[in-house]
Amino acid sequence: SPDPADRRRNIITLTAAGRRQLRRLE
């Protein structure tokens, strides 16, 4: 998603599905 402080930059966030995948990878 766009960074509210600098719309030229993206902010990356972990989703719930990403957390589940991380548990599988761990």
PDB file of all heavy atoms in Angstrom:
ATOM      1  N   SER A   1       0.846  -1.196   0.000  1.00  0.00           N
ATOM      2  CA  SER A   1       0.000   0.000   0.000  1.00  0.00           C
ATOM      3  C   SER A   1       0.880   1.244   0.000  1.00  0.00           C
ATOM      4  O   SER A   1       2.004   1.208   0.496  1.00  0.00           O
ATOM      5  CB  SER A   1      -0.929  -0.004   1.211  1.00  0.00           C
ATOM      6  OG  SER A   1      -0.180  -0.058   2.396  1.00  0.00           O
ATOM      7  N   PRO A   2       0.363   2.348  -0.555  1.00  0.00           N
ATOM      8  CA  PRO A   2       1.159   3.577  -0.586  1.00  0.00           C
ATOM      9  C   PRO A   2       1.455   4.078   0.839  1.00  0.00           C
ATOM     10  O   PRO A   2       0.609   3.998   1.723  1.00  0.00           O
ATOM     11  CB  PRO A   2       0.278   4.578  -1.332  1.00  0.00           C
ATOM     12  CG  PRO A   2      -0.750   3.750  -2.035  1.00  0.00           C
ATOM     13  CD  PRO A   2      -0.915   2.503  -1.231  1.00  0.00           C
ATOM     14  N   ASP A   3       2.648   4.580   1.038  1.00  0.00           N
ATOM     15  CA  ASP A   3       3.055   5.173   2.314  1.00  0.00           C
ATOM     16  C   ASP A   3       2.357   6.518   2.449  1.00  0.00           C
ATOM     17  O   ASP A   3       2.506   7.382   1.593  1.00  0.00           O
ATOM     18  CB  ASP A   3       4.573   5.347   2.327  1.00  0.00           C
ATOM     19  CG  ASP A   3       5.110   5.887   3.633  1.00  0.00           C
ATOM     20  OD1 ASP A   3       4.333   6.396   4.452  1.00  0.00           O
ATOM     21  OD2 ASP A   3       6.341   5.790   3.821  1.00  0.00           O
ATOM     22  N   PRO A   4       1.574   6.727   3.517  1.00  0.00           N
ATOM     23  CA  PRO A   4       0.875   8.010   3.665  1.00  0.00           C
ATOM     24  C   PRO A   4       1.837   9.202   3.761  1.00  0.00           C
ATOM     25  O   PRO A   4       1.494  10.305   3.361  1.00  0.00           O
ATOM     26  CB  PRO A   4       0.087   7.856   4.967  1.00  0.00           C
ATOM     27  CG  PRO A   4       0.234   6.451   5.400  1.00  0.00           C
ATOM     28  CD  PRO A   4       1.278   5.796   4.575  1.00  0.00           C
ATOM     29  N   ALA A   5       3.048   8.971   4.242  1.00  0.00           N
ATOM     30  CA  ALA A   5       4.028  10.056   4.380  1.00  0.00           C
ATOM     31  C   ALA A   5       4.725  10.367   3.055  1.00  0.00           C
ATOM     32  O   ALA A   5       5.223  11.469   2.855  1.00  0.00           O
ATOM     33  CB  ALA A   5       5.071   9.695   5.436  1.00  0.00           C
ATOM     34  N   ASP A   6       4.782   9.398   2.161  1.00  0.00           N
ATOM     35  CA  ASP A   6       5.448   9.579   0.866  1.00  0.00           C
ATOM     36  C   ASP A   6       4.796   8.626  -0.121  1.00  0.00           C
ATOM     37  O   ASP A   6       5.155   7.457  -0.211  1.00  0.00           O
ATOM     38  CB  ASP A   6       6.946   9.289   0.997  1.00  0.00           C
ATOM     39  CG  ASP A   6       7.705   9.509  -0.308  1.00  0.00           C
ATOM     40  OD1 ASP A   6       7.069   9.745  -1.366  1.00  0.00           O
ATOM     41  OD2 ASP A   6       8.948   9.436  -0.269  1.00  0.00           O
ATOM     42  N   ARG A   7       3.834   9.119  -0.882  1.00  0.00           N
ATOM     43  CA  ARG A   7       3.034   8.264  -1.752  1.00  0.00           C
ATOM     44  C   ARG A   7       3.847   7.625  -2.884  1.00  0.00           C
ATOM     45  O   ARG A   7       3.350   6.745  -3.568  1.00  0.00           O
ATOM     46  CB  ARG A   7       1.849   9.052  -2.294  1.00  0.00           C
ATOM     47  CG  ARG A   7       0.992   9.557  -1.119  1.00  0.00           C
ATOM     48  CD  ARG A   7      -0.425   9.846  -1.398  1.00  0.00           C
ATOM     49  NE  ARG A   7      -1.270   8.875  -2.016  1.00  0.00           N
ATOM     50  CZ  ARG A   7      -1.902   7.874  -1.410  1.00  0.00           C
ATOM     51  NH1 ARG A   7      -1.716   7.658  -0.134  1.00  0.00           N
ATOM     52  NH2 ARG A   7      -2.713   7.102  -2.070  1.00  0.00           N
ATOM     53  N   ARG A   8       5.097   8.046  -3.068  1.00  0.00           N
ATOM     54  CA  ARG A   8       5.951   7.399  -4.069  1.00  0.00           C
ATOM     55  C   ARG A   8       6.497   6.064  -3.556  1.00  0.00           C
ATOM     56  O   ARG A   8       6.993   5.260  -4.316  1.00  0.00           O
ATOM     57  CB  ARG A   8       7.135   8.299  -4.434  1.00  0.00           C
ATOM     58  CG  ARG A   8       6.709   9.615  -5.088  1.00  0.00           C
ATOM     59  CD  ARG A   8       7.875  10.528  -5.203  1.00  0.00           C
ATOM     60  NE  ARG A   8       8.315  10.877  -3.835  1.00  0.00           N
ATOM     61  CZ  ARG A   8       9.386  11.584  -3.537  1.00  0.00           C
ATOM     62  NH1 ARG A   8      10.161  12.029  -4.491  1.00  0.00           N
ATOM     63  NH2 ARG A   8       9.693  11.858  -2.289  1.00  0.00           N
ATOM     64  N   ARG A   9       6.392   5.856  -2.254  1.00  0.00           N
ATOM     65  CA  ARG A   9       6.957   4.671  -1.621  1.00  0.00           C
ATOM     66  C   ARG A   9       5.823   3.737  -1.187  1.00  0.00           C
ATOM     67  O   ARG A   9       4.762   4.189  -0.766  1.00  0.00           O
ATOM     68  CB  ARG A   9       7.777   5.119  -0.404  1.00  0.00           C
ATOM     69  CG  ARG A   9       8.423   4.005   0.342  1.00  0.00           C
ATOM     70  CD  ARG A   9       9.360   4.470   1.418  1.00  0.00           C
ATOM     71  NE  ARG A   9       8.774   5.507   2.240  1.00  0.00           N
ATOM     72  CZ  ARG A   9       9.480   6.303   3.020  1.00  0.00           C
ATOM     73  NH1 ARG A   9      10.776   6.191   3.087  1.00  0.00           N
ATOM     74  NH2 ARG A   9       8.876   7.228   3.755  1.00  0.00           N
ATOM     75  N   ASN A  10       6.077   2.439  -1.270  1.00  0.00           N
ATOM     76  CA  ASN A  10       5.108   1.440  -0.812  1.00  0.00           C
ATOM     77  C   ASN A  10       5.490   0.929   0.568  1.00  0.00           C
ATOM     78  O   ASN A  10       6.677   0.805   0.886  1.00  0.00           O
ATOM     79  CB  ASN A  10       5.065   0.238  -1.768  1.00  0.00           C
ATOM     80  CG  ASN A  10       4.344   0.565  -3.047  1.00  0.00           C
ATOM     81  OD1 ASN A  10       3.316   1.224  -3.040  1.00  0.00           O
ATOM     82  ND2 ASN A  10       4.880   0.094  -4.165  1.00  0.00           N
ATOM     83  N   ILE A  11       4.472   0.603   1.344  1.00  0.00           N
ATOM     84  CA  ILE A  11       4.655  -0.057   2.626  1.00  0.00           C
ATOM     85  C   ILE A  11       4.150  -1.490   2.447  1.00  0.00           C
ATOM     86  O   ILE A  11       3.051  -1.710   1.935  1.00  0.00           O
ATOM     87  CB  ILE A  11       3.880   0.656   3.764  1.00  0.00           C
ATOM     88  CG1 ILE A  11       4.415   2.064   3.958  1.00  0.00           C
ATOM     89  CG2 ILE A  11       3.947  -0.149   5.055  1.00  0.00           C
ATOM     90  CD1 ILE A  11       5.855   2.144   4.436  1.00  0.00           C
ATOM     91  N   ILE A  12       4.958  -2.439   2.876  1.00  0.00           N
ATOM     92  CA  ILE A  12       4.616  -3.853   2.743  1.00  0.00           C
ATOM     93  C   ILE A  12       4.189  -4.362   4.115  1.00  0.00           C
ATOM     94  O   ILE A  12       4.856  -4.130   5.115  1.00  0.00           O
ATOM     95  CB  ILE A  12       5.824  -4.665   2.236  1.00  0.00           C
ATOM     96  CG1 ILE A  12       6.457  -4.010   1.002  1.00  0.00           C
ATOM     97  CG2 ILE A  12       5.422  -6.119   1.962  1.00  0.00           C
ATOM     98  CD1 ILE A  12       5.522  -3.753  -0.148  1.00  0.00           C
ATOM     99  N   THR A  13       3.056  -5.075   4.144  1.00  0.00           N
ATOM    100  CA  THR A  13       2.491  -5.585   5.391  1.00  0.00           C
ATOM    101  C   THR A  13       2.246  -7.080   5.255  1.00  0.00           C
ATOM    102  O   THR A  13       1.791  -7.551   4.212  1.00  0.00           O
ATOM    103  CB  THR A  13       1.149  -4.862   5.687  1.00  0.00           C
ATOM    104  OG1 THR A  13       1.371  -3.449   5.691  1.00  0.00           O
ATOM    105  CG2 THR A  13       0.566  -5.286   7.025  1.00  0.00           C
ATOM    106  N   LEU A  14       2.509  -7.804   6.312  1.00  0.00           N
ATOM    107  CA  LEU A  14       2.250  -9.240   6.367  1.00  0.00           C
ATOM    108  C   LEU A  14       0.754  -9.464   6.554  1.00  0.00           C
ATOM    109  O   LEU A  14       0.119  -8.833   7.404  1.00  0.00           O
ATOM    110  CB  LEU A  14       3.027  -9.841   7.548  1.00  0.00           C
ATOM    111  CG  LEU A  14       2.994 -11.346   7.743  1.00  0.00           C
ATOM    112  CD1 LEU A  14       3.617 -12.053   6.546  1.00  0.00           C
ATOM    113  CD2 LEU A  14       3.746 -11.708   9.021  1.00  0.00           C
ATOM    114  N   THR A  15       0.170 -10.369   5.763  1.00  0.00           N
ATOM    115  CA  THR A  15      -1.257 -10.696   5.891  1.00  0.00           C
ATOM    116  C   THR A  15      -1.418 -11.923   6.796  1.00  0.00           C
ATOM    117  O   THR A  15      -0.441 -12.600   7.137  1.00  0.00           O
ATOM    118  CB  THR A  15      -1.870 -11.010   4.514  1.00  0.00           C
ATOM    119  OG1 THR A  15      -1.247 -12.201   4.009  1.00  0.00           O
ATOM    120  CG2 THR A  15      -1.698  -9.853   3.529  1.00  0.00           C
ATOM    121  N   ALA A  16      -2.664 -12.222   7.141  1.00  0.00           N
ATOM    122  CA  ALA A  16      -2.941 -13.422   7.936  1.00  0.00           C
ATOM    123  C   ALA A  16      -2.487 -14.671   7.175  1.00  0.00           C
ATOM    124  O   ALA A  16      -1.906 -15.595   7.764  1.00  0.00           O
ATOM    125  CB  ALA A  16      -4.429 -13.505   8.276  1.00  0.00           C
ATOM    126  N   ALA A  17      -2.731 -14.700   5.865  1.00  0.00           N
ATOM    127  CA  ALA A  17      -2.275 -15.843   5.053  1.00  0.00           C
ATOM    128  C   ALA A  17      -0.741 -15.915   5.058  1.00  0.00           C
ATOM    129  O   ALA A  17      -0.172 -17.008   5.063  1.00  0.00           O
ATOM    130  CB  ALA A  17      -2.800 -15.716   3.624  1.00  0.00           C
ATOM    131  N   GLY A  18      -0.090 -14.769   5.064  1.00  0.00           N
ATOM    132  CA  GLY A  18       1.370 -14.730   5.134  1.00  0.00           C
ATOM    133  C   GLY A  18       1.888 -15.294   6.442  1.00  0.00           C
ATOM    134  O   GLY A  18       2.896 -16.004   6.469  1.00  0.00           O
ATOM    135  N   ARG A  19       1.187 -14.997   7.538  1.00  0.00           N
ATOM    136  CA  ARG A  19       1.575 -15.561   8.847  1.00  0.00           C
ATOM    137  C   ARG A  19       1.420 -17.086   8.840  1.00  0.00           C
ATOM    138  O   ARG A  19       2.263 -17.806   9.379  1.00  0.00           O
ATOM    139  CB  ARG A  19       0.728 -14.960   9.964  1.00  0.00           C
ATOM    140  CG  ARG A  19       1.245 -13.658  10.458  1.00  0.00           C
ATOM    141  CD  ARG A  19       0.548 -13.203  11.752  1.00  0.00           C
ATOM    142  NE  ARG A  19       1.104 -11.920  12.143  1.00  0.00           N
ATOM    143  CZ  ARG A  19       0.815 -10.769  11.601  1.00  0.00           C
ATOM    144  NH1 ARG A  19      -0.058 -10.705  10.608  1.00  0.00           N
ATOM    145  NH2 ARG A  19       1.387  -9.657  12.011  1.00  0.00           N
ATOM    146  N   ARG A  20       0.333 -17.566   8.255  1.00  0.00           N
ATOM    147  CA  ARG A  20       0.131 -19.024   8.176  1.00  0.00           C
ATOM    148  C   ARG A  20       1.229 -19.669   7.335  1.00  0.00           C
ATOM    149  O   ARG A  20       1.756 -20.726   7.701  1.00  0.00           O
ATOM    150  CB  ARG A  20      -1.250 -19.349   7.610  1.00  0.00           C
ATOM    151  CG  ARG A  20      -2.380 -19.062   8.596  1.00  0.00           C
ATOM    152  CD  ARG A  20      -3.715 -19.609   8.110  1.00  0.00           C
ATOM    153  NE  ARG A  20      -4.152 -19.044   6.843  1.00  0.00           N
ATOM    154  CZ  ARG A  20      -4.836 -17.909   6.705  1.00  0.00           C
ATOM    155  NH1 ARG A  20      -5.164 -17.207   7.768  1.00  0.00           N
ATOM    156  NH2 ARG A  20      -5.202 -17.493   5.519  1.00  0.00           N
ATOM    157  N   GLN A  21       1.592 -19.033   6.214  1.00  0.00           N
ATOM    158  CA  GLN A  21       2.669 -19.568   5.379  1.00  0.00           C
ATOM    159  C   GLN A  21       3.996 -19.536   6.143  1.00  0.00           C
ATOM    160  O   GLN A  21       4.781 -20.484   6.067  1.00  0.00           O
ATOM    161  CB  GLN A  21       2.790 -18.788   4.066  1.00  0.00           C
ATOM    162  CG  GLN A  21       3.948 -19.211   3.178  1.00  0.00           C
ATOM    163  CD  GLN A  21       3.809 -20.596   2.564  1.00  0.00           C
ATOM    164  OE1 GLN A  21       2.981 -21.414   2.967  1.00  0.00           O
ATOM    165  NE2 GLN A  21       4.639 -20.895   1.582  1.00  0.00           N
ATOM    166  N   LEU A  22       4.239 -18.486   6.901  1.00  0.00           N
ATOM    167  CA  LEU A  22       5.459 -18.400   7.697  1.00  0.00           C
ATOM    168  C   LEU A  22       5.527 -19.551   8.694  1.00  0.00           C
ATOM    169  O   LEU A  22       6.592 -20.142   8.892  1.00  0.00           O
ATOM    170  CB  LEU A  22       5.544 -17.048   8.404  1.00  0.00           C
ATOM    171  CG  LEU A  22       6.792 -16.819   9.262  1.00  0.00           C
ATOM    172  CD1 LEU A  22       8.075 -16.980   8.453  1.00  0.00           C
ATOM    173  CD2 LEU A  22       6.724 -15.432   9.910  1.00  0.00           C
ATOM    174  N   ARG A  23       4.408 -19.897   9.323  1.00  0.00           N
ATOM    175  CA  ARG A  23       4.398 -21.031  10.264  1.00  0.00           C
ATOM    176  C   ARG A  23       4.760 -22.324   9.526  1.00  0.00           C
ATOM    177  O   ARG A  23       5.509 -23.154  10.054  1.00  0.00           O
ATOM    178  CB  ARG A  23       3.022 -21.188  10.934  1.00  0.00           C
ATOM    179  CG  ARG A  23       2.555 -20.029  11.793  1.00  0.00           C
ATOM    180  CD  ARG A  23       3.335 -19.809  13.068  1.00  0.00           C
ATOM    181  NE  ARG A  23       4.520 -19.024  12.947  1.00  0.00           N
ATOM    182  CZ  ARG A  23       4.588 -17.671  12.920  1.00  0.00           C
ATOM    183  NH1 ARG A  23       3.516 -16.926  12.979  1.00  0.00           N
ATOM    184  NH2 ARG A  23       5.751 -17.063  12.808  1.00  0.00           N
ATOM    185  N   ARG A  24       4.230 -22.523   8.306  1.00  0.00           N
ATOM    186  CA  ARG A  24       4.575 -23.714   7.519  1.00  0.00           C
ATOM    187  C   ARG A  24       6.063 -23.725   7.198  1.00  0.00           C
ATOM    188  O   ARG A  24       6.724 -24.767   7.295  1.00  0.00           O
ATOM    189  CB  ARG A  24       3.750 -23.762   6.228  1.00  0.00           C
ATOM    190  CG  ARG A  24       2.315 -24.193   6.415  1.00  0.00           C
ATOM    191  CD  ARG A  24       1.606 -24.417   5.080  1.00  0.00           C
ATOM    192  NE  ARG A  24       1.346 -23.177   4.367  1.00  0.00           N
ATOM    193  CZ  ARG A  24       0.263 -22.420   4.542  1.00  0.00           C
ATOM    194  NH1 ARG A  24      -0.668 -22.765   5.409  1.00  0.00           N
ATOM    195  NH2 ARG A  24       0.105 -21.316   3.853  1.00  0.00           N
ATOM    196  N   LEU A  25       6.586 -22.567   6.822  1.00  0.00           N
ATOM    197  CA  LEU A  25       8.006 -22.484   6.477  1.00  0.00           C
ATOM    198  C   LEU A  25       8.879 -22.729   7.700  1.00  0.00           C
ATOM    199  O   LEU A  25       9.915 -23.402   7.601  1.00  0.00           O
ATOM    200  CB  LEU A  25       8.325 -21.117   5.851  1.00  0.00           C
ATOM    201  CG  LEU A  25       7.654 -20.841   4.514  1.00  0.00           C
ATOM    202  CD1 LEU A  25       7.956 -19.423   4.050  1.00  0.00           C
ATOM    203  CD2 LEU A  25       8.083 -21.852   3.475  1.00  0.00           C
ATOM    204  N   GLU A  26       8.484 -22.215   8.834  1.00  0.00           N
ATOM    205  CA  GLU A  26       9.245 -22.448  10.068  1.00  0.00           C
ATOM    206  C   GLU A  26       9.261 -23.938  10.423  1.00  0.00           C
ATOM    207  O   GLU A  26      10.284 -24.473  10.854  1.00  0.00           O
ATOM    208  CB  GLU A  26       8.672 -21.630  11.223  1.00  0.00           C
ATOM    209  CG  GLU A  26       8.940 -20.153  11.086  1.00  0.00           C
ATOM    210  CD  GLU A  26       8.170 -19.294  12.072  1.00  0.00           C
ATOM    211  OE1 GLU A  26       7.143 -19.756  12.623  1.00  0.00           O
ATOM    212  OE2 GLU A  26       8.599 -18.144  12.283  1.00  0.00           O
TER     213      GLU A  26
END
